Amino acid sequence: MSCKKLKMICFSPTRTTRRILDAIAEGVGAECSEVVDVTRADRVPETCDCADNDLVIIGAPVYGGRIPLIAVERFKALKSCGSPVVPVVVYGNRAYEDALIELADIAVEAGFKTLAGAAFIGEHSFSSERTPIAVSRPDEDDLGKAREFGKSLAAKLADGSLFAGDVEIPGDRPYKERSPKASASPVSNDACQLCGSCERVCPTAAISVGSLVETDPDKCIFCCACVKVCAFEARKLEVPRLLEVSQWLADNFSDRREPEVFI
C-alpha cells in the first residue's frame, strides 16, 4: 500500500513543529497532502475527519513534559475510524517526558491507530542571546533525519510492515502533573512599532494592538511566538521566575540531544 493521501495536523506557535512535520511529509512523498494547522483559534475546524487518509501525522510542541492544554482542546476536533497515525512531538532539548504518549493517547481516543512516533528537538521558546537553548533547531541534520523517518514510514506502509504490530511509545500513565501557570506574559518595550506581527501569531488571541500593545496575561501560554516574530526585538520575556528557568535550562541542557523515532 503506497501513501497516496497524507494529512498533517499541527499546533506550532513558533513553527518548529511545523518544519519537522513538513520534512517528514517530504520524506513520505505522498501524491496528495493536506495541512490542518490548529495553532490559531480562528483556523480550528469544527470537525476534522481523517477517515479517507492513508496516513496522518499529528504534531505538537512539549511544554513542561506535556502537550499544551490549548492544543489538547483543539485536537478534540479530530475523528477517525482506524486511520494510521504518527504522533510527533518537538521539545526544547531538556526532555519530552510524557508528551509523546499523551499525544498518542489523544489520537487513539479520536479513533486513530498509532503505528509509529517520534520526538524531535526545536529551539526552546525561552531561548535568547543571554540564555541560548537549542538555538536554530531544527537544523539541517534534524530535518534530514525527519525526511529519512518519512521515507521509512512510506517504505513500511508500502510493504505492509507498518501494520505488523503495536509500536511502543515511551512515557508514563498517569502523566506528570502540569505546573501551575503564572498570570504573566512577555511585554513590549519602546522599540515597538505597533506593526501587529505579535497579534497575528498569538495562538490564544491574548494580544491586541491599537495605539499600544495590550496582552492578557491569563491567556498567555508562554509560547513566545510574539518574541520570536518581532523584527524590532521589542517583545521581551521579563518574568523573573521564567528568566531563572531559562538560565537553568541554558546551564544544564546545552549538550546536543538527537531525535528519537519509534517504528
C-alpha atoms as a PDB file:
ATOM      1  CA  MET A   1       0.000   0.000   0.000  1.00  0.00           C
ATOM      2  CA  SER A   2       1.565   3.289  -1.076  1.00  0.00           C
ATOM      3  CA  CYS A   3       0.759   6.576   0.626  1.00  0.00           C
ATOM      4  CA  LYS A   4      -1.423   8.456  -1.818  1.00  0.00           C
ATOM      5  CA  LYS A   5      -3.086  10.806   0.654  1.00  0.00           C
ATOM      6  CA  LEU A   6      -1.354  12.316   3.682  1.00  0.00           C
ATOM      7  CA  LYS A   7      -2.799  14.699   6.247  1.00  0.00           C
ATOM      8  CA  MET A   8      -0.694  16.734   8.674  1.00  0.00           C
ATOM      9  CA  ILE A   9      -2.309  18.203  11.773  1.00  0.00           C
ATOM     10  CA  CYS A  10      -0.244  20.531  13.914  1.00  0.00           C
ATOM     11  CA  PHE A  11      -0.146  23.052  16.723  1.00  0.00           C
ATOM     12  CA  SER A  12       3.033  25.066  16.236  1.00  0.00           C
ATOM     13  CA  PRO A  13       3.261  28.650  17.555  1.00  0.00           C
ATOM     14  CA  THR A  14       6.970  29.139  16.745  1.00  0.00           C
ATOM     15  CA  ARG A  15       6.841  26.908  13.616  1.00  0.00           C
ATOM     16  CA  THR A  16       9.472  24.402  14.793  1.00  0.00           C
ATOM     17  CA  THR A  17       6.938  21.561  14.915  1.00  0.00           C
ATOM     18  CA  ARG A  18       5.559  22.577  11.523  1.00  0.00           C
ATOM     19  CA  ARG A  19       9.044  22.469   9.982  1.00  0.00           C
ATOM     20  CA  ILE A  20       9.608  18.948  11.295  1.00  0.00           C
ATOM     21  CA  LEU A  21       6.234  17.751  10.000  1.00  0.00           C
ATOM     22  CA  ASP A  22       6.897  19.316   6.605  1.00  0.00           C
ATOM     23  CA  ALA A  23      10.213  17.447   6.393  1.00  0.00           C
ATOM     24  CA  ILE A  24       8.603  14.140   7.387  1.00  0.00           C
ATOM     25  CA  ALA A  25       5.899  14.679   4.772  1.00  0.00           C
ATOM     26  CA  GLU A  26       8.567  15.404   2.165  1.00  0.00           C
ATOM     27  CA  GLY A  27      10.156  12.062   3.005  1.00  0.00           C
ATOM     28  CA  VAL A  28       6.843  10.229   2.769  1.00  0.00           C
ATOM     29  CA  GLY A  29       6.325  11.648  -0.714  1.00  0.00           C
ATOM     30  CA  ALA A  30       2.544  11.285  -0.825  1.00  0.00           C
ATOM     31  CA  GLU A  31       0.762  12.120  -4.060  1.00  0.00           C
ATOM     32  CA  CYS A  32      -1.586  14.438  -2.200  1.00  0.00           C
ATOM     33  CA  SER A  33      -1.076  16.140   1.160  1.00  0.00           C
ATOM     34  CA  GLU A  34      -3.226  18.413   3.300  1.00  0.00           C
ATOM     35  CA  VAL A  35      -2.297  20.548   6.300  1.00  0.00           C
ATOM     36  CA  VAL A  36      -4.660  21.313   9.169  1.00  0.00           C
ATOM     37  CA  ASP A  37      -2.937  23.928  11.323  1.00  0.00           C
ATOM     38  CA  VAL A  38      -4.810  24.486  14.589  1.00  0.00           C
ATOM     39  CA  THR A  39      -2.326  26.976  16.031  1.00  0.00           C
ATOM     40  CA  ARG A  40      -4.727  29.896  15.755  1.00  0.00           C
ATOM     41  CA  ALA A  41      -8.241  29.671  17.180  1.00  0.00           C
ATOM     42  CA  ASP A  42      -9.807  31.109  14.026  1.00  0.00           C
ATOM     43  CA  ARG A  43      -8.424  28.225  11.960  1.00  0.00           C
ATOM     44  CA  VAL A  44      -9.634  25.334  14.099  1.00  0.00           C
ATOM     45  CA  PRO A  45     -12.257  23.308  12.194  1.00  0.00           C
ATOM     46  CA  GLU A  46     -15.420  22.237  13.995  1.00  0.00           C
ATOM     47  CA  THR A  47     -14.602  18.687  12.958  1.00  0.00           C
ATOM     48  CA  CYS A  48     -11.617  17.162  11.217  1.00  0.00           C
ATOM     49  CA  ASP A  49     -12.491  13.836   9.622  1.00  0.00           C
ATOM     50  CA  CYS A  50      -9.415  11.820   8.722  1.00  0.00           C
ATOM     51  CA  ALA A  51     -11.170   8.642   7.617  1.00  0.00           C
ATOM     52  CA  ASP A  52     -10.072   8.793   3.981  1.00  0.00           C
ATOM     53  CA  ASN A  53      -6.341   9.300   4.568  1.00  0.00           C
ATOM     54  CA  ASP A  54      -3.652   6.666   4.046  1.00  0.00           C
ATOM     55  CA  LEU A  55      -1.532   8.294   6.761  1.00  0.00           C
ATOM     56  CA  VAL A  56      -1.973  11.086   9.311  1.00  0.00           C
ATOM     57  CA  ILE A  57       0.867  12.864  11.102  1.00  0.00           C
ATOM     58  CA  ILE A  58      -0.063  14.877  14.180  1.00  0.00           C
ATOM     59  CA  GLY A  59       2.447  17.180  15.838  1.00  0.00           C
ATOM     60  CA  ALA A  60       2.760  19.483  18.837  1.00  0.00           C
ATOM     61  CA  PRO A  61       5.444  21.099  20.997  1.00  0.00           C
ATOM     62  CA  VAL A  62       6.256  19.943  24.508  1.00  0.00           C
ATOM     63  CA  TYR A  63       5.597  22.317  27.408  1.00  0.00           C
ATOM     64  CA  GLY A  64       6.917  21.030  30.722  1.00  0.00           C
ATOM     65  CA  GLY A  65       6.801  17.407  29.607  1.00  0.00           C
ATOM     66  CA  ARG A  66       3.188  17.607  28.404  1.00  0.00           C
ATOM     67  CA  ILE A  67       1.157  18.620  25.362  1.00  0.00           C
ATOM     68  CA  PRO A  68      -0.084  22.221  25.828  1.00  0.00           C
ATOM     69  CA  LEU A  69      -3.645  22.290  27.138  1.00  0.00           C
ATOM     70  CA  ILE A  70      -4.776  24.578  24.335  1.00  0.00           C
ATOM     71  CA  ALA A  71      -3.503  22.041  21.796  1.00  0.00           C
ATOM     72  CA  VAL A  72      -5.272  19.205  23.603  1.00  0.00           C
ATOM     73  CA  GLU A  73      -8.525  21.145  23.336  1.00  0.00           C
ATOM     74  CA  ARG A  74      -8.072  21.863  19.645  1.00  0.00           C
ATOM     75  CA  PHE A  75      -7.162  18.298  18.786  1.00  0.00           C
ATOM     76  CA  LYS A  76     -10.586  17.263  20.113  1.00  0.00           C
ATOM     77  CA  ALA A  77     -11.998  18.192  16.699  1.00  0.00           C
ATOM     78  CA  LEU A  78     -10.234  15.150  15.248  1.00  0.00           C
ATOM     79  CA  LYS A  79     -12.074  11.968  14.443  1.00  0.00           C
ATOM     80  CA  SER A  80     -11.183   8.814  12.579  1.00  0.00           C
ATOM     81  CA  CYS A  81     -12.187   5.207  12.115  1.00  0.00           C
ATOM     82  CA  GLY A  82      -8.861   3.473  12.403  1.00  0.00           C
ATOM     83  CA  SER A  83      -6.713   5.679  10.157  1.00  0.00           C
ATOM     84  CA  PRO A  84      -2.976   5.126  10.743  1.00  0.00           C
ATOM     85  CA  VAL A  85      -1.421   7.980  12.709  1.00  0.00           C
ATOM     86  CA  VAL A  86       2.099   9.039  13.639  1.00  0.00           C
ATOM     87  CA  PRO A  87       2.320  11.367  16.668  1.00  0.00           C
ATOM     88  CA  VAL A  88       5.351  13.673  16.675  1.00  0.00           C
ATOM     89  CA  VAL A  89       6.470  15.961  19.493  1.00  0.00           C
ATOM     90  CA  VAL A  90       9.122  18.670  19.444  1.00  0.00           C
ATOM     91  CA  TYR A  91      10.877  19.650  22.667  1.00  0.00           C
ATOM     92  CA  GLY A  92      13.478  22.229  23.649  1.00  0.00           C
ATOM     93  CA  ASN A  93      16.421  19.923  24.418  1.00  0.00           C
ATOM     94  CA  ARG A  94      15.500  19.089  28.033  1.00  0.00           C
ATOM     95  CA  ALA A  95      13.081  16.132  27.909  1.00  0.00           C
ATOM     96  CA  TYR A  96       9.766  15.227  26.347  1.00  0.00           C
ATOM     97  CA  GLU A  97       8.705  13.062  29.313  1.00  0.00           C
ATOM     98  CA  ASP A  98       5.031  12.071  28.872  1.00  0.00           C
ATOM     99  CA  ALA A  99       4.192  14.302  25.911  1.00  0.00           C
ATOM    100  CA  LEU A 100       4.567  11.684  23.174  1.00  0.00           C
ATOM    101  CA  ILE A 101       2.424   9.073  24.879  1.00  0.00           C
ATOM    102  CA  GLU A 102      -0.125  11.790  25.710  1.00  0.00           C
ATOM    103  CA  LEU A 103      -0.333  12.780  22.049  1.00  0.00           C
ATOM    104  CA  ALA A 104      -0.631   9.131  21.033  1.00  0.00           C
ATOM    105  CA  ASP A 105      -3.464   8.679  23.537  1.00  0.00           C
ATOM    106  CA  ILE A 106      -5.251  11.748  22.152  1.00  0.00           C
ATOM    107  CA  ALA A 107      -5.054  10.205  18.694  1.00  0.00           C
ATOM    108  CA  VAL A 108      -6.285   6.804  19.861  1.00  0.00           C
ATOM    109  CA  GLU A 109      -9.207   8.435  21.685  1.00  0.00           C
ATOM    110  CA  ALA A 110     -10.123  10.135  18.398  1.00  0.00           C
ATOM    111  CA  GLY A 111     -10.249   6.761  16.644  1.00  0.00           C
ATOM    112  CA  PHE A 112      -6.770   6.505  15.131  1.00  0.00           C
ATOM    113  CA  LYS A 113      -4.358   3.583  15.215  1.00  0.00           C
ATOM    114  CA  THR A 114      -0.844   4.584  16.264  1.00  0.00           C
ATOM    115  CA  LEU A 115       1.739   2.946  14.003  1.00  0.00           C
ATOM    116  CA  ALA A 116       4.868   4.955  14.833  1.00  0.00           C
ATOM    117  CA  GLY A 117       6.032   8.021  16.736  1.00  0.00           C
ATOM    118  CA  ALA A 118       8.905  10.461  17.051  1.00  0.00           C
ATOM    119  CA  ALA A 119      10.426  13.135  19.267  1.00  0.00           C
ATOM    120  CA  PHE A 120      12.486  15.897  17.668  1.00  0.00           C
ATOM    121  CA  ILE A 121      14.257  18.951  19.042  1.00  0.00           C
ATOM    122  CA  GLY A 122      13.423  22.593  18.356  1.00  0.00           C
ATOM    123  CA  GLU A 123      14.811  25.853  19.696  1.00  0.00           C
ATOM    124  CA  HIS A 124      13.343  26.385  23.151  1.00  0.00           C
ATOM    125  CA  SER A 125      10.676  29.060  23.449  1.00  0.00           C
ATOM    126  CA  PHE A 126      12.709  30.702  26.233  1.00  0.00           C
ATOM    127  CA  SER A 127      15.954  30.713  24.240  1.00  0.00           C
ATOM    128  CA  SER A 128      17.633  34.110  23.911  1.00  0.00           C
ATOM    129  CA  GLU A 129      21.095  35.578  23.333  1.00  0.00           C
ATOM    130  CA  ARG A 130      21.674  35.523  27.084  1.00  0.00           C
ATOM    131  CA  THR A 131      20.258  32.029  27.596  1.00  0.00           C
ATOM    132  CA  PRO A 132      20.734  30.041  24.362  1.00  0.00           C
ATOM    133  CA  ILE A 133      18.819  26.744  24.365  1.00  0.00           C
ATOM    134  CA  ALA A 134      18.895  24.521  21.256  1.00  0.00           C
ATOM    135  CA  VAL A 135      19.469  27.566  19.062  1.00  0.00           C
ATOM    136  CA  SER A 136      18.425  27.280  15.396  1.00  0.00           C
ATOM    137  CA  ARG A 137      16.970  23.817  15.771  1.00  0.00           C
ATOM    138  CA  PRO A 138      15.640  22.024  13.924  1.00  0.00           C
ATOM    139  CA  ASP A 139      18.801  22.361  11.838  1.00  0.00           C
ATOM    140  CA  GLU A 140      19.630  20.652   8.553  1.00  0.00           C
ATOM    141  CA  ASP A 141      20.709  17.486  10.351  1.00  0.00           C
ATOM    142  CA  ASP A 142      17.369  17.338  12.184  1.00  0.00           C
ATOM    143  CA  LEU A 143      15.411  17.976   9.009  1.00  0.00           C
ATOM    144  CA  GLY A 144      17.411  15.307   7.196  1.00  0.00           C
ATOM    145  CA  LYS A 145      16.526  12.798   9.900  1.00  0.00           C
ATOM    146  CA  ALA A 146      12.891  13.855   9.653  1.00  0.00           C
ATOM    147  CA  ARG A 147      12.941  13.173   5.906  1.00  0.00           C
ATOM    148  CA  GLU A 148      14.546   9.777   6.490  1.00  0.00           C
ATOM    149  CA  PHE A 149      11.853   8.989   9.048  1.00  0.00           C
ATOM    150  CA  GLY A 150       9.256   9.895   6.436  1.00  0.00           C
ATOM    151  CA  LYS A 151      10.916   7.612   3.888  1.00  0.00           C
ATOM    152  CA  SER A 152      10.885   4.765   6.427  1.00  0.00           C
ATOM    153  CA  LEU A 153       7.187   5.330   7.051  1.00  0.00           C
ATOM    154  CA  ALA A 154       6.478   5.234   3.315  1.00  0.00           C
ATOM    155  CA  ALA A 155       8.526   2.060   2.814  1.00  0.00           C
ATOM    156  CA  LYS A 156       6.851   0.255   5.696  1.00  0.00           C
ATOM    157  CA  LEU A 157       3.439   1.452   4.561  1.00  0.00           C
ATOM    158  CA  ALA A 158       4.162   0.104   1.076  1.00  0.00           C
ATOM    159  CA  ASP A 159       5.214  -3.379   2.213  1.00  0.00           C
ATOM    160  CA  GLY A 160       2.606  -3.620   4.968  1.00  0.00           C
ATOM    161  CA  SER A 161       5.109  -3.964   7.806  1.00  0.00           C
ATOM    162  CA  LEU A 162       3.964  -0.688   9.384  1.00  0.00           C
ATOM    163  CA  PHE A 163       0.793  -2.527  10.395  1.00  0.00           C
ATOM    164  CA  ALA A 164       2.634  -5.606  11.682  1.00  0.00           C
ATOM    165  CA  GLY A 165       2.471  -4.835  15.390  1.00  0.00           C
ATOM    166  CA  ASP A 166       1.863  -2.250  18.074  1.00  0.00           C
ATOM    167  CA  VAL A 167       4.592   0.345  18.453  1.00  0.00           C
ATOM    168  CA  GLU A 168       5.892   1.019  21.963  1.00  0.00           C
ATOM    169  CA  ILE A 169       5.646   4.719  22.778  1.00  0.00           C
ATOM    170  CA  PRO A 170       7.670   5.869  25.815  1.00  0.00           C
ATOM    171  CA  GLY A 171       6.036   7.723  28.685  1.00  0.00           C
ATOM    172  CA  ASP A 172       4.079   7.182  31.867  1.00  0.00           C
ATOM    173  CA  ARG A 173       0.408   6.982  32.730  1.00  0.00           C
ATOM    174  CA  PRO A 174      -0.836   8.827  34.627  1.00  0.00           C
ATOM    175  CA  TYR A 175       1.061  11.680  33.010  1.00  0.00           C
ATOM    176  CA  LYS A 176       3.185  14.022  35.086  1.00  0.00           C
ATOM    177  CA  GLU A 177       1.237  16.857  36.696  1.00  0.00           C
ATOM    178  CA  ARG A 178       1.177  20.173  34.906  1.00  0.00           C
ATOM    179  CA  SER A 179       2.964  23.060  36.554  1.00  0.00           C
ATOM    180  CA  PRO A 180       0.688  25.955  37.552  1.00  0.00           C
ATOM    181  CA  LYS A 181       0.736  28.776  35.019  1.00  0.00           C
ATOM    182  CA  ALA A 182       1.715  32.249  36.242  1.00  0.00           C
ATOM    183  CA  SER A 183      -0.542  35.155  35.326  1.00  0.00           C
ATOM    184  CA  ALA A 184       2.095  36.949  33.268  1.00  0.00           C
ATOM    185  CA  SER A 185       3.289  37.402  29.685  1.00  0.00           C
ATOM    186  CA  PRO A 186       6.037  38.874  27.519  1.00  0.00           C
ATOM    187  CA  VAL A 187       5.914  42.663  27.277  1.00  0.00           C
ATOM    188  CA  SER A 188       6.628  45.244  24.572  1.00  0.00           C
ATOM    189  CA  ASN A 189       9.245  47.967  25.022  1.00  0.00           C
ATOM    190  CA  ASP A 190       9.787  51.382  23.417  1.00  0.00           C
ATOM    191  CA  ALA A 191      11.189  49.806  20.242  1.00  0.00           C
ATOM    192  CA  CYS A 192       7.683  48.581  19.356  1.00  0.00           C
ATOM    193  CA  GLN A 193       6.410  49.902  16.014  1.00  0.00           C
ATOM    194  CA  LEU A 194       2.819  48.677  16.502  1.00  0.00           C
ATOM    195  CA  CYS A 195       3.171  46.540  13.370  1.00  0.00           C
ATOM    196  CA  GLY A 196       0.819  43.853  14.695  1.00  0.00           C
ATOM    197  CA  SER A 197       3.043  40.843  13.993  1.00  0.00           C
ATOM    198  CA  CYS A 198       2.788  39.692  17.599  1.00  0.00           C
ATOM    199  CA  GLU A 199      -1.006  39.849  17.483  1.00  0.00           C
ATOM    200  CA  ARG A 200      -1.136  37.824  14.273  1.00  0.00           C
ATOM    201  CA  VAL A 201       0.951  34.914  15.586  1.00  0.00           C
ATOM    202  CA  CYS A 202      -0.521  34.629  19.086  1.00  0.00           C
ATOM    203  CA  PRO A 203      -2.282  31.241  19.344  1.00  0.00           C
ATOM    204  CA  THR A 204      -4.627  32.315  22.132  1.00  0.00           C
ATOM    205  CA  ALA A 205      -5.594  35.807  20.908  1.00  0.00           C
ATOM    206  CA  ALA A 206      -4.002  37.209  24.059  1.00  0.00           C
ATOM    207  CA  ILE A 207      -2.526  40.236  22.264  1.00  0.00           C
ATOM    208  CA  SER A 208      -4.342  43.260  20.861  1.00  0.00           C
ATOM    209  CA  VAL A 209      -2.554  46.075  19.036  1.00  0.00           C
ATOM    210  CA  GLY A 210      -4.024  49.555  18.742  1.00  0.00           C
ATOM    211  CA  SER A 211      -2.401  52.749  19.968  1.00  0.00           C
ATOM    212  CA  LEU A 212      -0.420  50.430  22.232  1.00  0.00           C
ATOM    213  CA  VAL A 213       0.073  46.696  22.722  1.00  0.00           C
ATOM    214  CA  GLU A 214      -2.100  45.034  25.346  1.00  0.00           C
ATOM    215  CA  THR A 215      -1.626  41.437  26.480  1.00  0.00           C
ATOM    216  CA  ASP A 216      -3.998  39.337  28.559  1.00  0.00           C
ATOM    217  CA  PRO A 217      -1.642  37.531  30.971  1.00  0.00           C
ATOM    218  CA  ASP A 218      -4.236  34.882  31.768  1.00  0.00           C
ATOM    219  CA  LYS A 219      -4.483  33.844  28.116  1.00  0.00           C
ATOM    220  CA  CYS A 220      -0.723  33.781  27.525  1.00  0.00           C
ATOM    221  CA  ILE A 221       0.812  30.271  27.370  1.00  0.00           C
ATOM    222  CA  PHE A 222       4.456  31.446  27.173  1.00  0.00           C
ATOM    223  CA  CYS A 223       4.952  30.005  23.701  1.00  0.00           C
ATOM    224  CA  CYS A 224       6.940  33.198  22.976  1.00  0.00           C
ATOM    225  CA  ALA A 225       5.866  33.251  19.337  1.00  0.00           C
ATOM    226  CA  CYS A 226       5.439  37.010  19.760  1.00  0.00           C
ATOM    227  CA  VAL A 227       9.049  37.334  20.944  1.00  0.00           C
ATOM    228  CA  LYS A 228      10.419  35.235  18.088  1.00  0.00           C
ATOM    229  CA  VAL A 229       8.467  37.037  15.351  1.00  0.00           C
ATOM    230  CA  CYS A 230       9.222  40.636  16.372  1.00  0.00           C
ATOM    231  CA  ALA A 231      11.528  42.193  13.761  1.00  0.00           C
ATOM    232  CA  PHE A 232      12.300  45.097  16.104  1.00  0.00           C
ATOM    233  CA  GLU A 233      13.246  42.953  19.131  1.00  0.00           C
ATOM    234  CA  ALA A 234      10.637  44.899  21.046  1.00  0.00           C
ATOM    235  CA  ARG A 235       8.907  41.933  22.639  1.00  0.00           C
ATOM    236  CA  LYS A 236      10.659  40.526  25.702  1.00  0.00           C
ATOM    237  CA  LEU A 237      10.090  37.817  28.301  1.00  0.00           C
ATOM    238  CA  GLU A 238      10.878  39.542  31.591  1.00  0.00           C
ATOM    239  CA  VAL A 239       9.058  37.352  34.104  1.00  0.00           C
ATOM    240  CA  PRO A 240      11.631  36.812  36.906  1.00  0.00           C
ATOM    241  CA  ARG A 241      10.728  33.190  37.591  1.00  0.00           C
ATOM    242  CA  LEU A 242      10.884  32.306  33.895  1.00  0.00           C
ATOM    243  CA  LEU A 243      14.196  34.095  33.480  1.00  0.00           C
ATOM    244  CA  GLU A 244      15.525  31.854  36.249  1.00  0.00           C
ATOM    245  CA  VAL A 245      14.164  28.799  34.442  1.00  0.00           C
ATOM    246  CA  SER A 246      15.743  29.978  31.190  1.00  0.00           C
ATOM    247  CA  GLN A 247      19.136  30.302  32.856  1.00  0.00           C
ATOM    248  CA  TRP A 248      18.782  26.860  34.457  1.00  0.00           C
ATOM    249  CA  LEU A 249      17.923  25.309  31.111  1.00  0.00           C
ATOM    250  CA  ALA A 250      20.837  27.018  29.372  1.00  0.00           C
ATOM    251  CA  ASP A 251      23.239  25.953  32.133  1.00  0.00           C
ATOM    252  CA  ASN A 252      22.120  22.335  32.379  1.00  0.00           C
ATOM    253  CA  PHE A 253      20.792  21.290  28.974  1.00  0.00           C
ATOM    254  CA  SER A 254      23.283  22.634  26.455  1.00  0.00           C
ATOM    255  CA  ASP A 255      24.531  19.221  25.265  1.00  0.00           C
ATOM    256  CA  ARG A 256      23.006  18.351  21.935  1.00  0.00           C
ATOM    257  CA  ARG A 257      20.182  15.835  22.038  1.00  0.00           C
ATOM    258  CA  GLU A 258      19.200  13.853  18.970  1.00  0.00           C
ATOM    259  CA  PRO A 259      15.794  12.910  17.563  1.00  0.00           C
ATOM    260  CA  GLU A 260      14.223   9.616  18.598  1.00  0.00           C
ATOM    261  CA  VAL A 261      11.944   7.604  16.345  1.00  0.00           C
ATOM    262  CA  PHE A 262       9.744   4.653  17.214  1.00  0.00           C
ATOM    263  CA  ILE A 263       8.681   2.499  14.297  1.00  0.00           C
END
